[in-house]
Amino acid sequence: MRSKYGIPEFTKEGYFKKLVDEGVVKDDVTLGDLKKFDAVNYPAHYNQGGVQCIDAIASMQGDGFKYYLQGSAVKYIWRHEHKGKPIEDLDKAIWFLNKLKVTYEKT
């Protein structure tokens, strides 16, 4: 089932499956666990109105999306020692790099 924006609903068969298929999360993660606040893979503040922020950005950027992903990875690597949560920032950088890898695999 898709939202009015064409984004898969966050169900085991919808967005969760999309995250697993894209390698963003492992398939042994439960849907319930993922729906809890996860600052790296599923931050609640980036899921408003039934649309994942990353999907909206991808839609707006088109072919330029890969550059957004590169810049975001660099940003988190750049600041990882300065915000008090270096492991979390490095995990976020890895998340963006994994998303970038999937983007290239699709082309």
N, C-alpha and C. Protein backbone atom coordinates (compact mmCIF):
# COMPACT_ATOMS: atom_id res chain seq x y z
N MET A 1 0.84 -1.18 0.00
CA MET A 1 0.00 0.00 0.00
C MET A 1 0.88 1.24 0.00
N ARG A 2 0.49 2.22 -0.77
CA ARG A 2 1.28 3.45 -0.87
C ARG A 2 0.49 4.64 -0.35
N SER A 3 1.24 5.63 0.16
CA SER A 3 0.61 6.86 0.62
C SER A 3 0.19 7.69 -0.59
N LYS A 4 -0.46 8.80 -0.34
CA LYS A 4 -0.89 9.66 -1.45
C LYS A 4 0.30 10.22 -2.22
N TYR A 5 1.50 10.14 -1.64
CA TYR A 5 2.70 10.63 -2.30
C TYR A 5 3.43 9.54 -3.07
N GLY A 6 2.86 8.32 -3.07
CA GLY A 6 3.48 7.21 -3.77
C GLY A 6 4.55 6.50 -2.97
N ILE A 7 4.69 6.85 -1.69
CA ILE A 7 5.69 6.23 -0.83
C ILE A 7 5.06 5.01 -0.16
N PRO A 8 5.75 3.88 -0.10
CA PRO A 8 5.18 2.71 0.57
C PRO A 8 4.85 3.01 2.02
N GLU A 9 3.71 2.51 2.51
CA GLU A 9 3.34 2.66 3.91
C GLU A 9 4.34 1.92 4.78
N PHE A 10 4.48 2.37 6.02
CA PHE A 10 5.46 1.75 6.91
C PHE A 10 4.87 0.50 7.54
N THR A 11 4.87 -0.58 6.78
CA THR A 11 4.39 -1.88 7.21
C THR A 11 5.45 -2.90 6.84
N LYS A 12 5.24 -4.13 7.30
CA LYS A 12 6.19 -5.20 6.99
C LYS A 12 6.34 -5.40 5.48
N GLU A 13 5.25 -5.14 4.73
CA GLU A 13 5.29 -5.31 3.27
C GLU A 13 5.61 -4.01 2.53
N GLY A 14 5.57 -2.88 3.24
CA GLY A 14 5.75 -1.59 2.59
C GLY A 14 7.14 -1.00 2.79
N TYR A 15 7.21 0.12 3.51
CA TYR A 15 8.47 0.84 3.65
C TYR A 15 9.53 0.00 4.36
N PHE A 16 9.12 -0.78 5.37
CA PHE A 16 10.08 -1.63 6.06
C PHE A 16 10.76 -2.58 5.07
N LYS A 17 9.97 -3.18 4.19
CA LYS A 17 10.52 -4.07 3.16
C LYS A 17 11.47 -3.30 2.25
N LYS A 18 11.10 -2.06 1.92
CA LYS A 18 11.96 -1.21 1.08
C LYS A 18 13.31 -0.99 1.76
N LEU A 19 13.30 -0.72 3.07
CA LEU A 19 14.55 -0.50 3.80
C LEU A 19 15.41 -1.76 3.81
N VAL A 20 14.78 -2.91 3.98
CA VAL A 20 15.51 -4.18 3.97
C VAL A 20 16.06 -4.45 2.57
N ASP A 21 15.21 -4.28 1.55
CA ASP A 21 15.63 -4.54 0.18
C ASP A 21 16.80 -3.65 -0.24
N GLU A 22 16.81 -2.42 0.25
CA GLU A 22 17.89 -1.48 -0.10
C GLU A 22 19.12 -1.66 0.77
N GLY A 23 19.05 -2.55 1.74
CA GLY A 23 20.21 -2.79 2.60
C GLY A 23 20.40 -1.74 3.67
N VAL A 24 19.39 -0.90 3.90
CA VAL A 24 19.50 0.14 4.92
C VAL A 24 19.41 -0.48 6.31
N VAL A 25 18.55 -1.47 6.47
CA VAL A 25 18.45 -2.21 7.72
C VAL A 25 18.53 -3.70 7.41
N LYS A 26 18.90 -4.47 8.41
CA LYS A 26 18.98 -5.92 8.24
C LYS A 26 17.59 -6.52 8.43
N ASP A 27 17.35 -7.65 7.81
CA ASP A 27 16.03 -8.26 7.86
C ASP A 27 15.70 -8.88 9.21
N ASP A 28 16.69 -8.97 10.12
CA ASP A 28 16.39 -9.52 11.45
C ASP A 28 15.90 -8.45 12.42
N VAL A 29 15.86 -7.19 11.99
CA VAL A 29 15.30 -6.12 12.80
C VAL A 29 13.78 -6.25 12.74
N THR A 30 13.13 -6.14 13.90
CA THR A 30 11.67 -6.23 13.88
C THR A 30 11.08 -4.87 13.55
N LEU A 31 9.91 -4.90 12.98
CA LEU A 31 9.21 -3.66 12.64
C LEU A 31 8.99 -2.82 13.88
N GLY A 32 8.61 -3.46 14.99
CA GLY A 32 8.39 -2.74 16.24
C GLY A 32 9.64 -2.04 16.73
N ASP A 33 10.77 -2.74 16.65
CA ASP A 33 12.04 -2.14 17.07
C ASP A 33 12.38 -0.94 16.20
N LEU A 34 12.14 -1.08 14.91
CA LEU A 34 12.49 -0.01 13.98
C LEU A 34 11.62 1.22 14.19
N LYS A 35 10.38 1.00 14.59
CA LYS A 35 9.48 2.13 14.80
C LYS A 35 9.83 2.94 16.05
N LYS A 36 10.59 2.33 16.97
CA LYS A 36 11.07 3.09 18.12
C LYS A 36 12.08 4.10 17.60
N PHE A 37 12.34 5.13 18.37
CA PHE A 37 13.27 6.16 17.92
C PHE A 37 14.64 5.55 17.66
N ASP A 38 15.12 5.71 16.48
CA ASP A 38 16.43 5.25 16.05
C ASP A 38 17.07 6.41 15.32
N ALA A 39 18.01 7.06 15.99
CA ALA A 39 18.60 8.29 15.47
C ALA A 39 19.37 8.10 14.17
N VAL A 40 19.69 6.86 13.83
CA VAL A 40 20.46 6.62 12.62
C VAL A 40 19.58 6.13 11.47
N ASN A 41 18.86 5.05 11.67
CA ASN A 41 18.13 4.41 10.58
C ASN A 41 16.70 4.90 10.39
N TYR A 42 16.07 5.34 11.46
CA TYR A 42 14.67 5.75 11.36
C TYR A 42 14.35 6.84 12.36
N PRO A 43 14.96 8.01 12.22
CA PRO A 43 14.69 9.09 13.18
C PRO A 43 13.25 9.59 13.03
N ALA A 44 12.52 9.58 14.13
CA ALA A 44 11.10 9.95 14.10
C ALA A 44 10.88 11.36 13.54
N HIS A 45 11.80 12.26 13.81
CA HIS A 45 11.62 13.64 13.35
C HIS A 45 11.80 13.79 11.83
N TYR A 46 12.19 12.73 11.13
CA TYR A 46 12.28 12.76 9.67
C TYR A 46 11.16 11.98 9.00
N ASN A 47 10.14 11.61 9.77
CA ASN A 47 9.02 10.86 9.22
C ASN A 47 7.72 11.55 9.61
N GLN A 48 7.39 12.58 8.89
CA GLN A 48 6.19 13.36 9.18
C GLN A 48 5.24 13.29 8.00
N GLY A 49 3.97 13.19 8.29
CA GLY A 49 2.97 13.20 7.23
C GLY A 49 3.01 11.99 6.32
N GLY A 50 3.56 10.88 6.80
CA GLY A 50 3.58 9.66 6.00
C GLY A 50 4.66 9.63 4.93
N VAL A 51 5.56 10.60 4.93
CA VAL A 51 6.62 10.64 3.93
C VAL A 51 7.96 10.69 4.64
N GLN A 52 8.85 9.82 4.25
CA GLN A 52 10.20 9.87 4.78
C GLN A 52 10.92 11.05 4.12
N CYS A 53 11.59 11.84 4.92
CA CYS A 53 12.31 13.02 4.41
C CYS A 53 13.28 12.62 3.30
N ILE A 54 14.00 11.53 3.47
CA ILE A 54 14.99 11.12 2.48
C ILE A 54 14.34 10.83 1.13
N ASP A 55 13.12 10.28 1.15
CA ASP A 55 12.41 10.00 -0.10
C ASP A 55 11.96 11.29 -0.78
N ALA A 56 11.53 12.26 0.02
CA ALA A 56 11.14 13.55 -0.55
C ALA A 56 12.35 14.24 -1.18
N ILE A 57 13.49 14.18 -0.50
CA ILE A 57 14.72 14.79 -1.04
C ILE A 57 15.13 14.08 -2.33
N ALA A 58 15.07 12.75 -2.34
CA ALA A 58 15.42 12.00 -3.55
C ALA A 58 14.53 12.41 -4.71
N SER A 59 13.25 12.58 -4.44
CA SER A 59 12.32 12.97 -5.48
C SER A 59 12.63 14.37 -6.01
N MET A 60 12.99 15.27 -5.13
CA MET A 60 13.30 16.66 -5.54
C MET A 60 14.62 16.75 -6.29
N GLN A 61 15.59 15.94 -5.88
CA GLN A 61 16.94 16.05 -6.43
C GLN A 61 17.14 15.32 -7.75
N GLY A 62 16.34 14.30 -8.00
CA GLY A 62 16.52 13.54 -9.24
C GLY A 62 17.93 12.97 -9.32
N ASP A 63 18.61 13.20 -10.45
CA ASP A 63 19.96 12.67 -10.63
C ASP A 63 20.98 13.27 -9.66
N GLY A 64 20.66 14.41 -9.08
CA GLY A 64 21.58 15.05 -8.13
C GLY A 64 21.54 14.45 -6.73
N PHE A 65 20.65 13.48 -6.51
CA PHE A 65 20.50 12.88 -5.19
C PHE A 65 21.80 12.28 -4.69
N LYS A 66 22.58 11.69 -5.59
CA LYS A 66 23.83 11.07 -5.15
C LYS A 66 24.79 12.11 -4.57
N TYR A 67 24.74 13.34 -5.07
CA TYR A 67 25.61 14.39 -4.53
C TYR A 67 25.15 14.81 -3.14
N TYR A 68 23.84 14.81 -2.93
CA TYR A 68 23.31 15.09 -1.60
C TYR A 68 23.81 14.03 -0.61
N LEU A 69 23.76 12.76 -1.03
CA LEU A 69 24.20 11.68 -0.16
C LEU A 69 25.69 11.79 0.16
N GLN A 70 26.49 12.13 -0.84
CA GLN A 70 27.93 12.30 -0.63
C GLN A 70 28.19 13.42 0.38
N GLY A 71 27.52 14.55 0.17
CA GLY A 71 27.71 15.70 1.06
C GLY A 71 27.28 15.39 2.48
N SER A 72 26.19 14.65 2.64
CA SER A 72 25.72 14.30 3.98
C SER A 72 26.71 13.37 4.68
N ALA A 73 27.27 12.41 3.96
CA ALA A 73 28.27 11.52 4.55
C ALA A 73 29.49 12.32 5.01
N VAL A 74 29.96 13.23 4.16
CA VAL A 74 31.11 14.06 4.52
C VAL A 74 30.81 14.90 5.75
N LYS A 75 29.60 15.47 5.80
CA LYS A 75 29.20 16.30 6.94
C LYS A 75 29.33 15.53 8.25
N TYR A 76 28.80 14.31 8.29
CA TYR A 76 28.84 13.53 9.53
C TYR A 76 30.26 13.09 9.88
N ILE A 77 31.07 12.77 8.88
CA ILE A 77 32.47 12.43 9.15
C ILE A 77 33.21 13.65 9.67
N TRP A 78 32.96 14.80 9.08
CA TRP A 78 33.63 16.04 9.44
C TRP A 78 33.41 16.41 10.89
N ARG A 79 32.18 16.24 11.36
CA ARG A 79 31.83 16.73 12.69
C ARG A 79 31.82 15.66 13.78
N HIS A 80 32.14 14.42 13.44
CA HIS A 80 31.95 13.33 14.39
C HIS A 80 32.71 13.50 15.71
N GLU A 81 33.80 14.20 15.72
CA GLU A 81 34.56 14.40 16.96
C GLU A 81 34.14 15.64 17.74
N HIS A 82 33.18 16.38 17.23
CA HIS A 82 32.89 17.69 17.83
C HIS A 82 31.49 17.85 18.42
N LYS A 83 30.65 16.86 18.34
CA LYS A 83 29.27 17.03 18.83
C LYS A 83 28.93 16.13 20.01
N GLY A 84 29.87 15.34 20.46
CA GLY A 84 29.65 14.52 21.64
C GLY A 84 29.10 13.12 21.39
N LYS A 85 28.79 12.79 20.15
CA LYS A 85 28.30 11.45 19.82
C LYS A 85 29.03 10.95 18.58
N PRO A 86 30.33 10.70 18.71
CA PRO A 86 31.10 10.34 17.51
C PRO A 86 30.64 9.05 16.84
N ILE A 87 30.28 8.04 17.61
CA ILE A 87 29.85 6.77 17.02
C ILE A 87 28.54 6.97 16.26
N GLU A 88 27.62 7.71 16.85
CA GLU A 88 26.34 7.96 16.17
C GLU A 88 26.56 8.72 14.87
N ASP A 89 27.42 9.72 14.88
CA ASP A 89 27.68 10.48 13.65
C ASP A 89 28.36 9.60 12.59
N LEU A 90 29.27 8.73 13.01
CA LEU A 90 29.90 7.82 12.05
C LEU A 90 28.89 6.82 11.51
N ASP A 91 27.97 6.36 12.36
CA ASP A 91 26.90 5.47 11.88
C ASP A 91 26.02 6.19 10.86
N LYS A 92 25.76 7.46 11.09
CA LYS A 92 24.95 8.23 10.14
C LYS A 92 25.70 8.38 8.81
N ALA A 93 27.01 8.63 8.89
CA ALA A 93 27.81 8.72 7.66
C ALA A 93 27.75 7.40 6.89
N ILE A 94 27.86 6.30 7.61
CA ILE A 94 27.79 4.98 6.97
C ILE A 94 26.42 4.78 6.34
N TRP A 95 25.35 5.23 7.02
CA TRP A 95 24.00 5.11 6.48
C TRP A 95 23.91 5.82 5.13
N PHE A 96 24.44 7.05 5.06
CA PHE A 96 24.40 7.80 3.80
C PHE A 96 25.27 7.13 2.73
N LEU A 97 26.40 6.57 3.12
CA LEU A 97 27.24 5.87 2.15
C LEU A 97 26.53 4.61 1.64
N ASN A 98 25.86 3.89 2.52
CA ASN A 98 25.10 2.71 2.08
C ASN A 98 23.97 3.11 1.13
N LYS A 99 23.30 4.20 1.42
CA LYS A 99 22.23 4.68 0.54
C LYS A 99 22.83 5.08 -0.81
N LEU A 100 24.00 5.71 -0.79
CA LEU A 100 24.69 6.09 -2.04
C LEU A 100 25.06 4.83 -2.84
N LYS A 101 25.55 3.81 -2.17
CA LYS A 101 25.91 2.56 -2.84
C LYS A 101 24.68 1.95 -3.52
N VAL A 102 23.56 1.93 -2.82
CA VAL A 102 22.32 1.39 -3.39
C VAL A 102 21.90 2.21 -4.60
N THR A 103 22.08 3.53 -4.52
CA THR A 103 21.72 4.41 -5.64
C THR A 103 22.54 4.04 -6.88
N TYR A 104 23.82 3.79 -6.70
CA TYR A 104 24.66 3.40 -7.85
C TYR A 104 24.31 2.00 -8.34
N GLU A 105 23.97 1.10 -7.43
CA GLU A 105 23.60 -0.27 -7.85
C GLU A 105 22.34 -0.28 -8.69
N LYS A 106 21.47 0.68 -8.49
CA LYS A 106 20.22 0.74 -9.25
C LYS A 106 20.43 1.28 -10.66
N THR A 107 21.57 1.94 -10.91
CA THR A 107 21.80 2.51 -12.25
C THR A 107 22.58 1.59 -13.14
